[in-house]
C-alpha atoms as a PDB file:
ATOM      1  CA  MET A   1     -23.159  -4.873  14.907  1.00  0.00           C
ATOM      2  CA  SER A   2     -21.947  -1.969  12.756  1.00  0.00           C
ATOM      3  CA  ASP A   3     -19.869   0.895  14.118  1.00  0.00           C
ATOM      4  CA  TYR A   4     -21.613   4.104  15.121  1.00  0.00           C
ATOM      5  CA  LEU A   5     -21.637   6.811  17.738  1.00  0.00           C
ATOM      6  CA  VAL A   6     -24.345   8.598  19.664  1.00  0.00           C
ATOM      7  CA  LYS A   7     -24.633  12.193  20.833  1.00  0.00           C
ATOM      8  CA  ALA A   8     -26.686  12.796  23.945  1.00  0.00           C
ATOM      9  CA  LEU A   9     -27.561  15.181  26.729  1.00  0.00           C
ATOM     10  CA  ALA A  10     -28.169  14.228  30.339  1.00  0.00           C
ATOM     11  CA  TYR A  11     -29.218  15.740  33.638  1.00  0.00           C
ATOM     12  CA  ASP A  12     -31.490  18.344  32.047  1.00  0.00           C
ATOM     13  CA  GLY A  13     -28.885  19.439  29.513  1.00  0.00           C
ATOM     14  CA  THR A  14     -26.100  20.115  32.005  1.00  0.00           C
ATOM     15  CA  VAL A  15     -24.066  17.134  30.768  1.00  0.00           C
ATOM     16  CA  ARG A  16     -23.051  16.447  27.171  1.00  0.00           C
ATOM     17  CA  ALA A  17     -22.135  12.893  26.214  1.00  0.00           C
ATOM     18  CA  TYR A  18     -20.747  10.895  23.314  1.00  0.00           C
ATOM     19  CA  ALA A  19     -20.221   7.145  23.025  1.00  0.00           C
ATOM     20  CA  ILE A  20     -18.801   5.104  20.163  1.00  0.00           C
ATOM     21  CA  ARG A  21     -18.457   1.543  18.986  1.00  0.00           C
ATOM     22  CA  SER A  22     -15.393   1.582  16.718  1.00  0.00           C
ATOM     23  CA  THR A  23     -14.448  -2.095  16.444  1.00  0.00           C
ATOM     24  CA  GLU A  24     -14.565  -2.356  12.654  1.00  0.00           C
ATOM     25  CA  MET A  25     -12.863   1.019  12.205  1.00  0.00           C
ATOM     26  CA  VAL A  26      -9.933   0.046  14.417  1.00  0.00           C
ATOM     27  CA  ARG A  27      -9.783  -3.419  12.860  1.00  0.00           C
ATOM     28  CA  GLU A  28      -9.463  -1.835   9.411  1.00  0.00           C
ATOM     29  CA  ALA A  29      -6.732   0.557  10.560  1.00  0.00           C
ATOM     30  CA  ALA A  30      -4.798  -2.339  12.115  1.00  0.00           C
ATOM     31  CA  ARG A  31      -5.164  -4.395   8.935  1.00  0.00           C
ATOM     32  CA  ARG A  32      -3.960  -1.612   6.676  1.00  0.00           C
ATOM     33  CA  HIS A  33      -0.911  -0.786   8.773  1.00  0.00           C
ATOM     34  CA  GLY A  34      -0.057  -4.235  10.088  1.00  0.00           C
ATOM     35  CA  THR A  35       0.134  -2.923  13.641  1.00  0.00           C
ATOM     36  CA  TRP A  36       1.236  -5.099  16.510  1.00  0.00           C
ATOM     37  CA  ARG A  37      -1.202  -5.430  19.378  1.00  0.00           C
ATOM     38  CA  THR A  38      -0.008  -2.618  21.664  1.00  0.00           C
ATOM     39  CA  VAL A  39       0.179  -0.155  18.771  1.00  0.00           C
ATOM     40  CA  THR A  40      -3.253  -1.329  17.634  1.00  0.00           C
ATOM     41  CA  ALA A  41      -4.553  -0.310  21.061  1.00  0.00           C
ATOM     42  CA  ALA A  42      -2.803   3.078  20.956  1.00  0.00           C
ATOM     43  CA  LEU A  43      -3.967   3.899  17.435  1.00  0.00           C
ATOM     44  CA  GLY A  44      -7.467   2.569  18.130  1.00  0.00           C
ATOM     45  CA  ARG A  45      -7.914   4.638  21.276  1.00  0.00           C
ATOM     46  CA  THR A  46      -6.777   7.765  19.439  1.00  0.00           C
ATOM     47  CA  MET A  47      -9.093   7.101  16.488  1.00  0.00           C
ATOM     48  CA  SER A  48     -12.077   6.554  18.803  1.00  0.00           C
ATOM     49  CA  ALA A  49     -11.412   9.855  20.588  1.00  0.00           C
ATOM     50  CA  ALA A  50     -10.822  11.726  17.332  1.00  0.00           C
ATOM     51  CA  THR A  51     -14.049  10.415  15.805  1.00  0.00           C
ATOM     52  CA  MET A  52     -16.101  11.533  18.802  1.00  0.00           C
ATOM     53  CA  MET A  53     -14.391  14.932  18.703  1.00  0.00           C
ATOM     54  CA  GLY A  54     -15.142  15.125  14.988  1.00  0.00           C
ATOM     55  CA  ALA A  55     -18.814  14.608  15.839  1.00  0.00           C
ATOM     56  CA  MET A  56     -18.615  17.831  17.852  1.00  0.00           C
ATOM     57  CA  LEU A  57     -17.918  19.719  14.600  1.00  0.00           C
ATOM     58  CA  LYS A  58     -20.305  20.779  11.838  1.00  0.00           C
ATOM     59  CA  GLY A  59     -20.544  20.566   8.044  1.00  0.00           C
ATOM     60  CA  GLU A  60     -17.149  20.370   6.358  1.00  0.00           C
ATOM     61  CA  GLU A  61     -15.160  21.073   9.524  1.00  0.00           C
ATOM     62  CA  LYS A  62     -12.410  18.619  10.388  1.00  0.00           C
ATOM     63  CA  LEU A  63      -9.568  18.100  12.819  1.00  0.00           C
ATOM     64  CA  THR A  64      -6.160  16.500  13.090  1.00  0.00           C
ATOM     65  CA  ILE A  65      -4.797  14.965  16.278  1.00  0.00           C
ATOM     66  CA  LYS A  66      -1.101  14.349  16.827  1.00  0.00           C
ATOM     67  CA  ILE A  67       0.288  12.447  19.789  1.00  0.00           C
ATOM     68  CA  GLU A  68       4.041  12.637  20.035  1.00  0.00           C
ATOM     69  CA  GLY A  69       5.774  11.029  22.993  1.00  0.00           C
ATOM     70  CA  ASP A  70       9.182   9.662  23.854  1.00  0.00           C
ATOM     71  CA  GLY A  71       7.999   6.104  23.166  1.00  0.00           C
ATOM     72  CA  PRO A  72       8.980   4.186  20.000  1.00  0.00           C
ATOM     73  CA  ALA A  73       5.525   4.110  18.333  1.00  0.00           C
ATOM     74  CA  THR A  74       4.847   7.825  17.969  1.00  0.00           C
ATOM     75  CA  PRO A  75       3.921  10.123  16.441  1.00  0.00           C
ATOM     76  CA  ILE A  76       0.337   8.977  16.051  1.00  0.00           C
ATOM     77  CA  ILE A  77      -1.599  11.059  13.518  1.00  0.00           C
ATOM     78  CA  VAL A  78      -5.393  10.883  13.114  1.00  0.00           C
ATOM     79  CA  ASP A  79      -7.734  12.925  10.918  1.00  0.00           C
ATOM     80  CA  ALA A  80     -11.487  13.039  11.587  1.00  0.00           C
ATOM     81  CA  ASN A  81     -14.452  15.025  10.321  1.00  0.00           C
ATOM     82  CA  ALA A  82     -18.036  15.796  11.253  1.00  0.00           C
ATOM     83  CA  LYS A  83     -19.338  12.932   9.074  1.00  0.00           C
ATOM     84  CA  GLY A  84     -18.022  10.085  11.221  1.00  0.00           C
ATOM     85  CA  GLU A  85     -15.018   9.445   8.987  1.00  0.00           C
ATOM     86  CA  ALA A  86     -11.533   8.975  10.397  1.00  0.00           C
ATOM     87  CA  ARG A  87      -8.129   7.788   9.245  1.00  0.00           C
ATOM     88  CA  GLY A  88      -4.856   7.402  11.099  1.00  0.00           C
ATOM     89  CA  TYR A  89      -1.349   6.015  11.187  1.00  0.00           C
ATOM     90  CA  VAL A  90       1.664   5.591  13.454  1.00  0.00           C
ATOM     91  CA  SER A  91       5.337   6.096  12.671  1.00  0.00           C
ATOM     92  CA  ASN A  92       6.292   2.631  13.923  1.00  0.00           C
ATOM     93  CA  PRO A  93       3.554  -0.026  13.797  1.00  0.00           C
ATOM     94  CA  HIS A  94       5.810  -2.827  15.071  1.00  0.00           C
ATOM     95  CA  VAL A  95       6.121  -2.089  18.778  1.00  0.00           C
ATOM     96  CA  ASP A  96       4.892  -4.457  21.484  1.00  0.00           C
ATOM     97  CA  PRO A  97       6.449  -3.906  24.925  1.00  0.00           C
ATOM     98  CA  GLU A  98       5.944  -6.327  27.776  1.00  0.00           C
ATOM     99  CA  ARG A  99       2.532  -6.179  29.388  1.00  0.00           C
ATOM    100  CA  LYS A 100       1.869  -4.484  32.690  1.00  0.00           C
ATOM    101  CA  ASP A 101       1.779  -6.538  35.878  1.00  0.00           C
ATOM    102  CA  SER A 102      -2.025  -6.462  35.578  1.00  0.00           C
ATOM    103  CA  GLY A 103      -1.761  -8.232  32.229  1.00  0.00           C
ATOM    104  CA  LYS A 104      -2.985  -5.208  30.270  1.00  0.00           C
ATOM    105  CA  LEU A 105      -1.253  -3.892  27.162  1.00  0.00           C
ATOM    106  CA  ASN A 106       1.406  -1.331  28.059  1.00  0.00           C
ATOM    107  CA  VAL A 107       0.254   1.509  25.818  1.00  0.00           C
ATOM    108  CA  SER A 108       2.132   4.185  27.761  1.00  0.00           C
ATOM    109  CA  LYS A 109       5.389   2.301  27.131  1.00  0.00           C
ATOM    110  CA  ALA A 110       4.747   2.381  23.383  1.00  0.00           C
ATOM    111  CA  VAL A 111       3.589   6.010  23.348  1.00  0.00           C
ATOM    112  CA  GLY A 112       5.800   7.419  26.077  1.00  0.00           C
ATOM    113  CA  GLU A 113       4.874   9.373  29.172  1.00  0.00           C
ATOM    114  CA  THR A 114       6.644  12.576  28.123  1.00  0.00           C
ATOM    115  CA  GLY A 115       5.533  14.482  25.054  1.00  0.00           C
ATOM    116  CA  SER A 116       2.480  16.304  23.751  1.00  0.00           C
ATOM    117  CA  LEU A 117      -1.053  15.901  22.453  1.00  0.00           C
ATOM    118  CA  SER A 118      -2.117  18.521  19.926  1.00  0.00           C
ATOM    119  CA  VAL A 119      -5.431  19.163  18.177  1.00  0.00           C
ATOM    120  CA  VAL A 120      -5.739  21.288  15.053  1.00  0.00           C
ATOM    121  CA  LYS A 121      -9.306  22.157  14.040  1.00  0.00           C
ATOM    122  CA  ASN A 122     -10.091  23.415  10.546  1.00  0.00           C
ATOM    123  CA  LEU A 123     -13.316  25.338  11.103  1.00  0.00           C
ATOM    124  CA  GLY A 124     -13.351  27.060   7.722  1.00  0.00           C
ATOM    125  CA  MET A 125     -11.918  30.278   9.088  1.00  0.00           C
ATOM    126  CA  LYS A 126      -8.800  32.149   8.057  1.00  0.00           C
ATOM    127  CA  GLU A 127      -6.776  30.500  10.802  1.00  0.00           C
ATOM    128  CA  ASN A 128      -7.098  27.044  12.329  1.00  0.00           C
ATOM    129  CA  PHE A 129      -7.718  26.516  16.033  1.00  0.00           C
ATOM    130  CA  THR A 130      -4.760  24.771  17.661  1.00  0.00           C
ATOM    131  CA  GLY A 131      -4.590  23.394  21.182  1.00  0.00           C
ATOM    132  CA  SER A 132      -1.680  21.495  22.689  1.00  0.00           C
ATOM    133  CA  VAL A 133      -1.030  19.965  26.104  1.00  0.00           C
ATOM    134  CA  PRO A 134       1.724  17.813  27.577  1.00  0.00           C
ATOM    135  CA  LEU A 135       1.066  14.110  27.953  1.00  0.00           C
ATOM    136  CA  VAL A 136       0.094  13.122  31.469  1.00  0.00           C
ATOM    137  CA  SER A 137       0.259   9.325  31.166  1.00  0.00           C
ATOM    138  CA  GLY A 138       0.613   8.142  27.565  1.00  0.00           C
ATOM    139  CA  GLU A 139      -2.438   5.917  28.080  1.00  0.00           C
ATOM    140  CA  ILE A 140      -4.407   8.196  25.702  1.00  0.00           C
ATOM    141  CA  ALA A 141      -7.722   8.522  27.602  1.00  0.00           C
ATOM    142  CA  GLU A 142      -6.164  10.394  30.522  1.00  0.00           C
ATOM    143  CA  ASP A 143      -4.327  12.608  28.076  1.00  0.00           C
ATOM    144  CA  PHE A 144      -7.558  13.591  26.307  1.00  0.00           C
ATOM    145  CA  THR A 145      -9.208  14.224  29.664  1.00  0.00           C
ATOM    146  CA  TYR A 146      -6.407  16.650  30.482  1.00  0.00           C
ATOM    147  CA  TYR A 147      -6.649  18.233  27.012  1.00  0.00           C
ATOM    148  CA  PHE A 148     -10.345  19.057  27.423  1.00  0.00           C
ATOM    149  CA  ALA A 149      -9.831  20.520  30.890  1.00  0.00           C
ATOM    150  CA  SER A 150      -6.723  22.513  30.026  1.00  0.00           C
ATOM    151  CA  SER A 151      -7.097  23.551  26.392  1.00  0.00           C
ATOM    152  CA  GLU A 152     -10.889  23.778  26.018  1.00  0.00           C
ATOM    153  CA  GLN A 153     -11.760  24.514  29.662  1.00  0.00           C
ATOM    154  CA  THR A 154     -14.392  21.769  29.632  1.00  0.00           C
ATOM    155  CA  PRO A 155     -14.227  19.328  32.557  1.00  0.00           C
ATOM    156  CA  SER A 156     -14.580  15.911  30.963  1.00  0.00           C
ATOM    157  CA  SER A 157     -14.275  12.213  31.584  1.00  0.00           C
ATOM    158  CA  VAL A 158     -12.806  10.233  28.682  1.00  0.00           C
ATOM    159  CA  ALA A 159     -12.751   6.440  28.473  1.00  0.00           C
ATOM    160  CA  LEU A 160     -11.165   4.604  25.548  1.00  0.00           C
ATOM    161  CA  GLY A 161     -10.502   0.924  25.075  1.00  0.00           C
ATOM    162  CA  VAL A 162      -9.374  -1.696  22.577  1.00  0.00           C
ATOM    163  CA  ILE A 163      -9.386  -5.440  23.183  1.00  0.00           C
ATOM    164  CA  VAL A 164      -6.983  -7.381  20.970  1.00  0.00           C
ATOM    165  CA  GLY A 165      -7.663 -11.107  20.848  1.00  0.00           C
ATOM    166  CA  LYS A 166      -5.145 -13.958  20.913  1.00  0.00           C
ATOM    167  CA  ASP A 167      -5.090 -13.956  17.109  1.00  0.00           C
ATOM    168  CA  ASP A 168      -4.118 -10.256  17.189  1.00  0.00           C
ATOM    169  CA  ASN A 169      -7.523  -9.394  15.749  1.00  0.00           C
ATOM    170  CA  VAL A 170      -9.467  -6.472  17.235  1.00  0.00           C
ATOM    171  CA  ALA A 171     -12.241  -8.015  19.335  1.00  0.00           C
ATOM    172  CA  ALA A 172     -13.761  -4.765  20.600  1.00  0.00           C
ATOM    173  CA  ALA A 173     -13.074  -1.035  20.525  1.00  0.00           C
ATOM    174  CA  GLY A 174     -14.962   2.005  21.708  1.00  0.00           C
ATOM    175  CA  GLY A 175     -15.146   4.834  24.163  1.00  0.00           C
ATOM    176  CA  PHE A 176     -17.112   7.687  25.642  1.00  0.00           C
ATOM    177  CA  ILE A 177     -16.666  11.361  26.441  1.00  0.00           C
ATOM    178  CA  ILE A 178     -18.724  12.899  29.251  1.00  0.00           C
ATOM    179  CA  GLN A 179     -18.557  16.702  29.527  1.00  0.00           C
ATOM    180  CA  MET A 180     -19.794  19.002  32.259  1.00  0.00           C
ATOM    181  CA  MET A 181     -21.675  21.998  30.881  1.00  0.00           C
ATOM    182  CA  PRO A 182     -22.444  25.348  32.517  1.00  0.00           C
ATOM    183  CA  GLY A 183     -25.027  24.958  35.269  1.00  0.00           C
ATOM    184  CA  VAL A 184     -24.085  21.412  36.246  1.00  0.00           C
ATOM    185  CA  THR A 185     -24.569  20.840  39.969  1.00  0.00           C
ATOM    186  CA  ASP A 186     -22.164  19.322  42.470  1.00  0.00           C
ATOM    187  CA  GLU A 187     -24.776  16.656  43.108  1.00  0.00           C
ATOM    188  CA  THR A 188     -24.752  15.651  39.433  1.00  0.00           C
ATOM    189  CA  ILE A 189     -20.958  15.529  39.357  1.00  0.00           C
ATOM    190  CA  ASP A 190     -20.889  13.354  42.482  1.00  0.00           C
ATOM    191  CA  ASP A 191     -23.513  11.047  40.980  1.00  0.00           C
ATOM    192  CA  ILE A 192     -21.505  10.584  37.761  1.00  0.00           C
ATOM    193  CA  GLU A 193     -18.249  10.039  39.635  1.00  0.00           C
ATOM    194  CA  GLU A 194     -19.898   7.371  41.752  1.00  0.00           C
ATOM    195  CA  LYS A 195     -21.155   5.536  38.667  1.00  0.00           C
ATOM    196  CA  LEU A 196     -17.724   5.760  37.013  1.00  0.00           C
ATOM    197  CA  THR A 197     -15.986   4.142  39.968  1.00  0.00           C
ATOM    198  CA  VAL A 198     -17.939   0.894  39.526  1.00  0.00           C
ATOM    199  CA  LEU A 199     -18.051   0.896  35.713  1.00  0.00           C
ATOM    200  CA  PRO A 200     -16.254  -1.982  33.933  1.00  0.00           C
ATOM    201  CA  PRO A 201     -13.665  -1.070  31.259  1.00  0.00           C
ATOM    202  CA  ILE A 202     -15.317   0.438  28.180  1.00  0.00           C
ATOM    203  CA  SER A 203     -13.829  -2.207  25.882  1.00  0.00           C
ATOM    204  CA  THR A 204     -15.406  -4.913  28.065  1.00  0.00           C
ATOM    205  CA  LEU A 205     -18.809  -3.249  27.760  1.00  0.00           C
ATOM    206  CA  ILE A 206     -18.455  -3.154  23.963  1.00  0.00           C
ATOM    207  CA  GLU A 207     -17.250  -6.762  23.839  1.00  0.00           C
ATOM    208  CA  ASP A 208     -20.247  -7.770  25.952  1.00  0.00           C
ATOM    209  CA  GLY A 209     -22.499  -6.365  23.257  1.00  0.00           C
ATOM    210  CA  LEU A 210     -23.643  -3.106  24.831  1.00  0.00           C
ATOM    211  CA  THR A 211     -24.643  -0.456  22.323  1.00  0.00           C
ATOM    212  CA  PRO A 212     -23.317   3.113  22.624  1.00  0.00           C
ATOM    213  CA  GLU A 213     -26.734   4.114  24.004  1.00  0.00           C
ATOM    214  CA  GLU A 214     -26.561   1.419  26.658  1.00  0.00           C
ATOM    215  CA  VAL A 215     -23.012   2.445  27.562  1.00  0.00           C
ATOM    216  CA  LEU A 216     -24.195   5.989  28.279  1.00  0.00           C
ATOM    217  CA  GLN A 217     -27.119   4.650  30.282  1.00  0.00           C
ATOM    218  CA  ARG A 218     -24.672   2.650  32.404  1.00  0.00           C
ATOM    219  CA  VAL A 219     -22.510   5.737  32.925  1.00  0.00           C
ATOM    220  CA  LEU A 220     -25.228   8.327  33.483  1.00  0.00           C
ATOM    221  CA  GLY A 221     -28.341   6.400  34.440  1.00  0.00           C
ATOM    222  CA  GLU A 222     -31.023   5.295  31.997  1.00  0.00           C
ATOM    223  CA  GLU A 223     -33.497   7.867  33.285  1.00  0.00           C
ATOM    224  CA  ASN A 224     -31.037  10.723  32.688  1.00  0.00           C
ATOM    225  CA  VAL A 225     -29.950  10.159  29.071  1.00  0.00           C
ATOM    226  CA  ARG A 226     -31.607  11.824  26.100  1.00  0.00           C
ATOM    227  CA  VAL A 227     -30.107  10.727  22.774  1.00  0.00           C
ATOM    228  CA  LEU A 228     -29.946  13.549  20.231  1.00  0.00           C
ATOM    229  CA  ASP A 229     -28.429  11.862  17.210  1.00  0.00           C
ATOM    230  CA  THR A 230     -26.627   8.774  15.906  1.00  0.00           C
ATOM    231  CA  LEU A 231     -23.854   8.740  13.302  1.00  0.00           C
ATOM    232  CA  ASP A 232     -22.309   5.847  11.378  1.00  0.00           C
ATOM    233  CA  VAL A 233     -18.519   5.834  11.668  1.00  0.00           C
ATOM    234  CA  SER A 234     -15.821   4.230   9.541  1.00  0.00           C
ATOM    235  CA  PHE A 235     -12.183   4.248   8.518  1.00  0.00           C
ATOM    236  CA  GLN A 236     -12.192   6.451   5.447  1.00  0.00           C
ATOM    237  CA  CYS A 237      -9.337   7.912   3.423  1.00  0.00           C
ATOM    238  CA  HIS A 238     -10.056  10.310   0.589  1.00  0.00           C
ATOM    239  CA  CYS A 239      -6.726   9.974  -1.168  1.00  0.00           C
ATOM    240  CA  SER A 240      -6.755   9.120  -4.885  1.00  0.00           C
ATOM    241  CA  LYS A 241      -4.363   8.978  -7.799  1.00  0.00           C
ATOM    242  CA  GLU A 242      -5.843  12.238  -9.070  1.00  0.00           C
ATOM    243  CA  ARG A 243      -5.093  14.010  -5.780  1.00  0.00           C
ATOM    244  CA  ILE A 244      -1.566  12.599  -5.723  1.00  0.00           C
ATOM    245  CA  ALA A 245      -1.108  13.815  -9.294  1.00  0.00           C
ATOM    246  CA  GLN A 246      -2.063  17.328  -8.235  1.00  0.00           C
ATOM    247  CA  ALA A 247       0.481  17.134  -5.430  1.00  0.00           C
ATOM    248  CA  ILE A 248       3.167  16.076  -7.916  1.00  0.00           C
ATOM    249  CA  ILE A 249       2.248  18.979 -10.203  1.00  0.00           C
ATOM    250  CA  GLY A 250       2.722  21.240  -7.214  1.00  0.00           C
ATOM    251  CA  LEU A 251       6.362  20.144  -6.983  1.00  0.00           C
ATOM    252  CA  GLY A 252       7.105  22.023 -10.194  1.00  0.00           C
ATOM    253  CA  LYS A 253       8.176  21.043 -13.719  1.00  0.00           C
ATOM    254  CA  ALA A 254      11.869  20.745 -12.851  1.00  0.00           C
ATOM    255  CA  GLU A 255      11.156  18.144 -10.161  1.00  0.00           C
ATOM    256  CA  ILE A 256       8.823  16.184 -12.447  1.00  0.00           C
ATOM    257  CA  GLN A 257      11.421  16.236 -15.235  1.00  0.00           C
ATOM    258  CA  ALA A 258      13.978  14.843 -12.801  1.00  0.00           C
ATOM    259  CA  MET A 259      11.610  11.978 -11.936  1.00  0.00           C
ATOM    260  CA  ILE A 260      11.246  11.203 -15.637  1.00  0.00           C
ATOM    261  CA  GLU A 261      14.962  11.305 -16.469  1.00  0.00           C
ATOM    262  CA  GLU A 262      16.393   9.735 -13.313  1.00  0.00           C
ATOM    263  CA  ASP A 263      13.711   7.258 -12.233  1.00  0.00           C
ATOM    264  CA  GLU A 264      11.559   6.875 -15.362  1.00  0.00           C
ATOM    265  CA  GLY A 265       8.501   7.060 -13.129  1.00  0.00           C
ATOM    266  CA  ALA A 266       7.394   7.759  -9.580  1.00  0.00           C
ATOM    267  CA  GLU A 267       5.932   5.916  -6.640  1.00  0.00           C
ATOM    268  CA  THR A 268       4.323   7.372  -3.540  1.00  0.00           C
ATOM    269  CA  LYS A 269       2.370   5.946  -0.637  1.00  0.00           C
ATOM    270  CA  CYS A 270      -0.439   7.485   1.418  1.00  0.00           C
ATOM    271  CA  ASN A 271       0.589   7.322   5.058  1.00  0.00           C
ATOM    272  CA  PHE A 272      -3.007   7.177   6.241  1.00  0.00           C
ATOM    273  CA  CYS A 273      -4.327   4.212   4.248  1.00  0.00           C
ATOM    274  CA  ASN A 274      -1.037   2.609   3.136  1.00  0.00           C
ATOM    275  CA  VAL A 275      -2.076   2.539  -0.536  1.00  0.00           C
ATOM    276  CA  THR A 276       0.805   2.927  -3.007  1.00  0.00           C
ATOM    277  CA  TYR A 277       0.328   4.929  -6.217  1.00  0.00           C
ATOM    278  CA  HIS A 278       2.526   4.332  -9.270  1.00  0.00           C
ATOM    279  CA  PHE A 279       3.141   6.828 -12.061  1.00  0.00           C
ATOM    280  CA  THR A 280       4.771   5.715 -15.286  1.00  0.00           C
ATOM    281  CA  LYS A 281       7.153   7.859 -17.300  1.00  0.00           C
ATOM    282  CA  GLU A 282       4.326   8.546 -19.748  1.00  0.00           C
ATOM    283  CA  GLU A 283       1.944   9.598 -16.972  1.00  0.00           C
ATOM    284  CA  LEU A 284       4.522  12.027 -15.596  1.00  0.00           C
ATOM    285  CA  GLU A 285       5.028  13.463 -19.060  1.00  0.00           C
ATOM    286  CA  GLY A 286       1.273  13.990 -19.196  1.00  0.00           C
ATOM    287  CA  LEU A 287       1.470  15.993 -15.980  1.00  0.00           C
ATOM    288  CA  LEU A 288       4.061  18.252 -17.595  1.00  0.00           C
ATOM    289  CA  VAL A 289       1.675  18.942 -20.465  1.00  0.00           C
ATOM    290  CA  ASP A 290      -1.199  19.691 -18.065  1.00  0.00           C
END
């Protein structure tokens, strides 16, 4: 089953909902960065949330999420856009603290329980929208729930999950965001809360083969959900040697000349996709001419 997300309304338009299957996306991110299992879970949860938040945007709008805690894995940086494309990385991919007593991966130990979650939205205006909140748990989903309530004044329920198999391969990843809109009734809120209390972990639902539509039907009731749109999602980085060359040109001729004379070339790596770009002495000289 390929990765995708769904956008939906429920309870006569008083509830907005998103659900995502992001298994292949998270698997690709883990492969590129060689993350250990707990960091895979932290990065995967963040990418799932960012991709759903990107789906709330329009056109060429995009956002960047940064989670910075007092744990050894952060910061976690994820970019996402309105097209279902996301990319992300962590500062330290090789962190794997002991599991919790429940046997679950200890994501909060890797991320830290003290720090911040910030969202920068590029909406094509003169200034970007920036929202930042303190971490409340370091488990990612709870932190996004707090972000929506505090920074965007939208009561929300966020669930994010990643199952990492014994071979350290991503077996399942996904999540949902349920948001209360103006006009929602107390009865509707109580109904949703009741369903959430008996819902299995989101990663288990994805691993069991439930589609994003079926996940929302489990959360909100099949009779209540009206799917508005579906969107394919994927790990996607738009870096290229040409873009890196433009960045090098931006350093100025003196800096490029120093690369030529001292190093006889240059090498740089994209943090997001882990691809390394090499520039020979001759290529750098060509940049000077341009």
